[in-house]
Amino acid sequence: MSKTVLVVDDDDDLFFLVEKYLKKTGERVELVSASTGQKALQLIETAKIDSSHI
C-alpha cells in the first residue's frame, strides 16, 4: 500500500529532489505538490495525506 506525501514549496527543484530521494529508498509513495499554503490546505481537505514536507 502506498503512502501519499504532500510537498509544499514554491521551488519545483525541491519537489524533484524529494521524489528522487523517496524512489531511492524503495518506499511506495505518491507525491502531491502545492506551491502555496492555501493550495496545501485545499489538498489536505480533499485528499488523504499521510505525510507532508513543508
N, C-alpha and C. Protein backbone atom coordinates (compact mmCIF):
# COMPACT_ATOMS: atom_id res chain seq x y z
N MET A 1 0.84 -1.17 0.00
CA MET A 1 0.00 0.00 0.00
C MET A 1 0.89 1.24 0.00
N SER A 2 0.63 2.16 -0.89
CA SER A 2 1.46 3.34 -0.97
C SER A 2 0.96 4.44 -0.03
N LYS A 3 1.87 5.29 0.35
CA LYS A 3 1.57 6.44 1.19
C LYS A 3 1.52 7.68 0.31
N THR A 4 0.74 8.67 0.71
CA THR A 4 0.66 9.92 -0.01
C THR A 4 1.42 10.98 0.77
N VAL A 5 2.40 11.61 0.09
CA VAL A 5 3.24 12.62 0.71
C VAL A 5 2.96 13.95 0.02
N LEU A 6 2.67 14.96 0.82
CA LEU A 6 2.44 16.31 0.32
C LEU A 6 3.72 17.11 0.46
N VAL A 7 4.19 17.68 -0.65
CA VAL A 7 5.37 18.54 -0.65
C VAL A 7 4.89 19.97 -0.90
N VAL A 8 5.14 20.86 0.07
CA VAL A 8 4.70 22.25 -0.05
C VAL A 8 5.93 23.14 -0.20
N ASP A 9 6.10 23.70 -1.38
CA ASP A 9 7.22 24.60 -1.63
C ASP A 9 7.00 25.25 -2.99
N ASP A 10 7.46 26.47 -3.15
CA ASP A 10 7.31 27.13 -4.43
C ASP A 10 8.49 26.86 -5.37
N ASP A 11 9.38 25.97 -4.96
CA ASP A 11 10.55 25.62 -5.75
C ASP A 11 10.38 24.21 -6.31
N ASP A 12 10.17 24.09 -7.60
CA ASP A 12 9.96 22.79 -8.23
C ASP A 12 11.16 21.86 -8.04
N ASP A 13 12.36 22.43 -7.95
CA ASP A 13 13.55 21.60 -7.77
C ASP A 13 13.49 20.80 -6.48
N LEU A 14 12.93 21.37 -5.43
CA LEU A 14 12.80 20.66 -4.17
C LEU A 14 11.87 19.45 -4.33
N PHE A 15 10.78 19.64 -5.05
CA PHE A 15 9.85 18.54 -5.29
C PHE A 15 10.57 17.38 -5.97
N PHE A 16 11.34 17.68 -6.99
CA PHE A 16 12.04 16.62 -7.72
C PHE A 16 13.12 15.97 -6.87
N LEU A 17 13.76 16.74 -6.00
CA LEU A 17 14.75 16.18 -5.09
C LEU A 17 14.11 15.21 -4.10
N VAL A 18 12.99 15.60 -3.53
CA VAL A 18 12.27 14.72 -2.60
C VAL A 18 11.80 13.46 -3.33
N GLU A 19 11.28 13.63 -4.54
CA GLU A 19 10.82 12.49 -5.34
C GLU A 19 11.97 11.51 -5.60
N LYS A 20 13.11 12.04 -5.98
CA LYS A 20 14.28 11.20 -6.28
C LYS A 20 14.73 10.44 -5.03
N TYR A 21 14.79 11.14 -3.90
CA TYR A 21 15.20 10.52 -2.64
C TYR A 21 14.25 9.39 -2.25
N LEU A 22 12.95 9.65 -2.32
CA LEU A 22 11.97 8.63 -1.91
C LEU A 22 12.01 7.42 -2.83
N LYS A 23 12.25 7.63 -4.10
CA LYS A 23 12.36 6.49 -5.02
C LYS A 23 13.57 5.63 -4.68
N LYS A 24 14.67 6.27 -4.25
CA LYS A 24 15.86 5.51 -3.88
C LYS A 24 15.63 4.64 -2.64
N THR A 25 14.76 5.08 -1.75
CA THR A 25 14.51 4.33 -0.53
C THR A 25 13.70 3.07 -0.80
N GLY A 26 13.04 3.02 -1.93
CA GLY A 26 12.23 1.86 -2.26
C GLY A 26 10.82 1.93 -1.70
N GLU A 27 10.52 3.02 -1.01
CA GLU A 27 9.17 3.19 -0.47
C GLU A 27 8.19 3.42 -1.60
N ARG A 28 6.99 2.90 -1.43
CA ARG A 28 5.93 3.12 -2.40
C ARG A 28 5.16 4.36 -1.97
N VAL A 29 5.38 5.45 -2.66
CA VAL A 29 4.74 6.71 -2.30
C VAL A 29 4.15 7.39 -3.52
N GLU A 30 3.11 8.16 -3.26
CA GLU A 30 2.53 9.04 -4.27
C GLU A 30 2.81 10.45 -3.78
N LEU A 31 3.47 11.26 -4.59
CA LEU A 31 3.79 12.62 -4.22
C LEU A 31 2.74 13.57 -4.77
N VAL A 32 2.34 14.51 -3.92
CA VAL A 32 1.41 15.56 -4.30
C VAL A 32 2.10 16.87 -3.96
N SER A 33 2.01 17.86 -4.84
CA SER A 33 2.71 19.12 -4.56
C SER A 33 1.74 20.29 -4.50
N ALA A 34 2.15 21.27 -3.70
CA ALA A 34 1.42 22.54 -3.61
C ALA A 34 2.46 23.65 -3.52
N SER A 35 2.22 24.73 -4.26
CA SER A 35 3.19 25.82 -4.27
C SER A 35 2.86 26.91 -3.26
N THR A 36 1.68 26.83 -2.65
CA THR A 36 1.30 27.81 -1.63
C THR A 36 0.64 27.10 -0.45
N GLY A 37 0.61 27.79 0.67
CA GLY A 37 -0.05 27.23 1.84
C GLY A 37 -1.53 27.02 1.62
N GLN A 38 -2.17 27.94 0.91
CA GLN A 38 -3.61 27.81 0.64
C GLN A 38 -3.90 26.57 -0.20
N LYS A 39 -3.08 26.33 -1.22
CA LYS A 39 -3.26 25.13 -2.05
C LYS A 39 -3.04 23.87 -1.21
N ALA A 40 -2.06 23.93 -0.31
CA ALA A 40 -1.79 22.78 0.56
C ALA A 40 -3.00 22.48 1.45
N LEU A 41 -3.61 23.52 2.02
CA LEU A 41 -4.78 23.32 2.86
C LEU A 41 -5.94 22.72 2.07
N GLN A 42 -6.12 23.14 0.83
CA GLN A 42 -7.16 22.58 -0.01
C GLN A 42 -6.92 21.09 -0.26
N LEU A 43 -5.66 20.74 -0.52
CA LEU A 43 -5.33 19.33 -0.75
C LEU A 43 -5.55 18.50 0.51
N ILE A 44 -5.19 19.05 1.65
CA ILE A 44 -5.36 18.33 2.91
C ILE A 44 -6.84 18.05 3.17
N GLU A 45 -7.70 18.99 2.79
CA GLU A 45 -9.14 18.81 2.99
C GLU A 45 -9.74 17.78 2.05
N THR A 46 -9.15 17.62 0.86
CA THR A 46 -9.77 16.76 -0.16
C THR A 46 -9.06 15.44 -0.40
N ALA A 47 -7.83 15.30 0.05
CA ALA A 47 -7.06 14.09 -0.21
C ALA A 47 -6.60 13.47 1.09
N LYS A 48 -6.33 12.18 1.07
CA LYS A 48 -5.79 11.50 2.24
C LYS A 48 -4.27 11.66 2.19
N ILE A 49 -3.75 12.54 3.04
CA ILE A 49 -2.32 12.81 3.09
C ILE A 49 -1.74 12.08 4.29
N ASP A 50 -0.73 11.26 4.06
CA ASP A 50 -0.09 10.51 5.14
C ASP A 50 1.08 11.25 5.78
N SER A 51 1.71 12.12 5.00
CA SER A 51 2.87 12.84 5.48
C SER A 51 3.02 14.12 4.67
N SER A 52 3.73 15.09 5.24
CA SER A 52 3.96 16.32 4.49
C SER A 52 5.39 16.80 4.70
N HIS A 53 5.89 17.51 3.70
CA HIS A 53 7.21 18.14 3.75
C HIS A 53 6.99 19.59 3.38
N ILE A 54 7.22 20.48 4.33
CA ILE A 54 6.95 21.89 4.11
C ILE A 54 8.24 22.66 4.15
